[in-house]
Protein backbone atom coordinates (compact mmCIF):
# COMPACT_ATOMS: atom_id res chain seq x y z
CA MET A 1 129.02 101.82 88.02
CA THR A 2 131.52 103.20 90.21
CA ILE A 3 130.78 104.77 94.46
CA GLU A 4 131.52 108.30 93.02
CA HIS A 5 128.25 107.54 89.81
CA VAL A 6 125.99 106.37 93.15
CA GLN A 7 127.13 109.52 95.23
CA VAL A 8 126.07 111.39 91.47
CA TRP A 9 122.61 109.59 91.04
CA ILE A 10 122.16 110.38 95.46
CA ARG A 11 122.54 113.81 95.25
CA VAL A 12 120.38 114.19 92.08
CA VAL A 13 118.41 112.56 93.38
CA ILE A 14 118.36 114.40 96.62
CA GLY A 15 117.96 117.30 94.66
CA ALA A 16 114.78 116.62 92.83
CA VAL A 17 113.47 116.09 96.96
CA ILE A 18 114.43 119.18 97.74
CA GLY A 19 112.88 120.41 94.63
CA LEU A 20 109.77 118.99 94.39
CA TRP A 21 109.38 119.36 98.32
CA HIS A 22 107.75 123.21 97.80
CA VAL A 23 105.51 122.14 94.92
CA VAL A 24 103.98 119.44 96.82
CA PRO A 25 100.75 120.87 99.67
CA ALA A 26 101.15 120.86 103.37
CA VAL A 27 99.09 118.21 103.51
CA THR A 28 100.68 115.84 101.48
CA GLN A 29 104.09 117.07 103.11
CA LEU A 30 102.54 116.20 106.38
CA LEU A 31 101.57 112.68 105.53
CA VAL A 32 105.02 111.70 104.25
CA LEU A 33 106.25 112.92 107.56
CA LEU A 34 104.15 111.10 109.52
CA MET A 35 105.09 108.11 107.18
CA ALA A 36 108.43 109.10 108.24
CA ALA A 37 107.91 108.48 112.15
CA ASP A 38 105.89 105.76 111.39
CA VAL A 39 108.96 103.33 109.51
CA VAL A 40 111.43 104.62 112.08
CA LEU A 41 109.22 103.96 115.18
CA GLY A 42 108.06 100.89 113.78
CA VAL A 43 111.70 99.36 113.23
CA THR A 44 113.02 101.06 116.60
CA VAL A 45 110.09 98.54 118.19
CA ALA A 46 111.31 95.48 115.83
CA ILE A 47 114.89 96.37 117.30
CA ARG A 48 113.82 96.34 120.85
CA ASP A 49 111.92 93.88 120.83
CA HIS A 50 114.21 91.41 118.79
CA ALA A 51 111.15 90.46 115.90
CA PHE A 52 112.72 92.40 113.00
CA ASN A 53 110.43 90.88 109.95
CA VAL A 54 111.23 91.46 106.61
CA ASP A 55 108.28 90.10 104.87
CA TYR A 56 106.02 92.44 107.70
CA ALA A 57 108.52 94.86 106.48
CA ARG A 58 107.48 94.28 102.78
CA ARG A 59 104.30 94.37 103.52
CA GLY A 60 104.80 98.09 105.40
CA ALA A 61 106.63 99.27 102.49
CA GLY A 62 104.11 98.40 99.93
CA LYS A 63 101.73 99.88 101.66
CA LYS A 64 103.28 103.28 101.96
CA LEU A 65 104.09 102.91 97.97
CA ALA A 66 100.26 101.94 97.70
CA THR A 67 99.58 105.04 99.00
CA LEU A 68 101.62 107.46 97.44
CA VAL A 69 100.38 106.34 94.69
CA MET A 70 96.74 106.85 94.86
CA VAL A 71 97.92 109.89 96.10
CA GLY A 72 99.94 110.49 93.36
CA VAL A 73 96.75 109.45 90.48
CA ALA A 74 95.16 111.80 92.70
CA ALA A 75 96.97 114.59 91.50
CA VAL A 76 97.38 113.52 87.84
CA LEU A 77 93.30 113.18 87.92
CA THR A 78 92.90 116.63 90.16
CA PRO A 79 93.30 119.01 87.24
CA TYR A 80 90.32 117.07 85.33
CA VAL A 81 88.10 116.84 87.80
CA GLN A 82 88.80 119.57 90.27
CA ASP A 83 85.86 121.51 88.79
CA PHE A 84 84.00 119.03 88.32
CA VAL A 85 84.09 117.24 92.36
CA GLY A 86 84.54 120.63 93.36
CA ILE A 87 87.53 119.16 95.93
CA ASN A 88 91.48 119.65 95.90
CA LEU A 89 91.83 115.29 95.22
CA VAL A 90 95.44 115.43 96.02
CA GLN A 91 94.39 116.85 99.45
CA ALA A 92 91.64 115.25 99.88
CA ALA A 93 93.77 111.82 99.53
CA SER A 94 96.37 112.84 101.48
CA ALA A 95 93.74 114.15 104.35
CA PHE A 96 92.26 110.33 103.86
CA TYR A 97 95.50 108.74 104.83
CA LEU A 98 96.94 111.06 107.57
CA VAL A 99 94.09 109.59 109.36
CA PRO A 100 95.71 105.74 109.38
CA GLU A 101 99.23 106.71 109.40
CA LEU A 102 98.56 109.24 112.82
CA GLY A 103 97.07 105.91 114.08
CA SER A 104 100.15 103.93 113.30
CA VAL A 105 102.01 106.54 114.75
CA THR A 106 100.45 106.88 117.82
CA LYS A 107 100.45 102.68 118.18
CA ASN A 108 104.02 102.56 117.57
CA ALA A 109 104.88 105.57 120.41
CA ALA A 110 102.83 103.77 122.82
CA LEU A 111 104.88 100.34 121.78
CA LEU A 112 107.91 102.41 122.74
CA GLY A 113 106.43 103.40 126.16
CA ALA A 114 105.24 106.70 125.44
CA PRO A 115 101.77 108.63 126.64
CA THR A 116 99.55 108.64 124.23
CA PHE A 117 97.17 111.99 124.11
CA PRO A 118 93.32 110.19 125.24
CA ALA A 119 91.16 112.89 122.75
CA MET A 120 93.72 111.49 119.90
CA THR A 121 93.27 107.50 120.93
CA MET A 122 89.14 108.54 121.40
CA VAL A 123 89.80 110.06 117.77
CA LEU A 124 91.70 107.71 116.14
CA ASP A 125 89.78 104.88 117.56
CA TYR A 126 86.63 106.38 116.01
CA PHE A 127 88.57 106.75 112.56
CA ASP A 128 89.51 103.31 112.90
CA THR A 129 86.22 102.02 113.53
CA PHE A 130 84.81 103.78 110.73
CA SER A 131 87.34 103.00 108.23
CA LYS A 132 86.50 99.17 108.87
CA ALA A 133 82.84 99.62 108.28
CA SER A 134 84.04 101.29 105.06
CA SER A 135 86.07 98.91 104.02
CA LYS A 136 83.35 96.43 104.51
CA THR A 137 81.05 98.52 102.35
CA THR A 138 83.53 99.11 100.02
CA ALA A 139 83.96 94.41 99.65
CA VAL A 140 80.26 94.32 99.52
CA VAL A 141 80.12 97.14 96.57
CA SER A 142 83.18 94.83 95.29
CA VAL A 143 81.63 91.40 95.21
CA GLN A 144 78.00 93.75 93.34
CA ILE A 145 80.63 94.88 90.67
CA ALA A 146 81.45 91.40 90.10
CA SER A 147 78.65 90.30 90.39
CA ASP A 148 77.44 92.74 87.74
CA ASN A 149 80.21 91.81 85.47
CA GLN A 150 79.59 88.38 85.90
CA LYS A 151 75.96 88.88 84.52
CA LEU A 152 76.55 90.99 82.10
CA SER A 153 79.42 88.77 80.41
CA ALA A 154 76.65 85.58 79.87
CA ASP A 155 74.29 88.40 78.41
CA ASN A 156 77.14 89.38 76.11
CA SER A 157 77.67 85.70 75.60
CA SER A 158 74.38 85.27 74.53
CA LYS A 159 73.81 87.77 72.45
CA GLU A 160 77.12 86.47 70.77
CA GLN A 161 75.42 83.51 70.42
CA ASP A 162 72.25 84.82 68.49
CA ILE A 163 74.49 87.12 66.25
CA VAL A 164 76.48 84.08 65.11
CA ALA A 165 73.06 81.60 64.73
CA VAL A 166 71.73 84.56 62.57
CA THR A 167 75.11 84.74 60.32
CA ARG A 168 74.79 81.43 59.92
CA ALA A 169 70.79 81.67 59.42
CA ARG A 170 71.98 84.75 56.53
CA THR A 171 74.76 82.19 55.19
CA ARG A 172 72.24 79.01 54.67
CA GLU A 173 69.78 81.44 52.78
CA GLN A 174 72.38 82.83 50.19
CA GLU A 175 73.57 79.24 49.48
């Protein structure tokens, strides 16, 4: 692949991003802009502190990609569930992910010496506390679901054994 091919592909990608940008809801655009600001500030902090860690950067990029995928999943689901749920899932998912992103931007800005708005810090601390409580609830629910699945699996296993036993009994009767 020549440099000209690479340049063409870069132009195509930029054109697609610009074309799609106008279709994306404003709250999702804000999320993407906050992600970009967070990356710029985070890399600046890492360079300043001579602490750039590729593994940490990969994890951060992975989290941002996962966030965008979840917003994309919400976009796919929205036409099917909007009437049932009563909200636009894309906007709701974007708003949900805005808070931690804003917290990360604020933290990185503070690490660079920028003053932080005290009221915003209080709000972000509140959401951070709520988010941690929500994560614990999710973990408990996940454990319960896993436990229920194991019980169902055990129940199904015994049902399968019963079916095999009945089948063997019928086979013996026919002989």
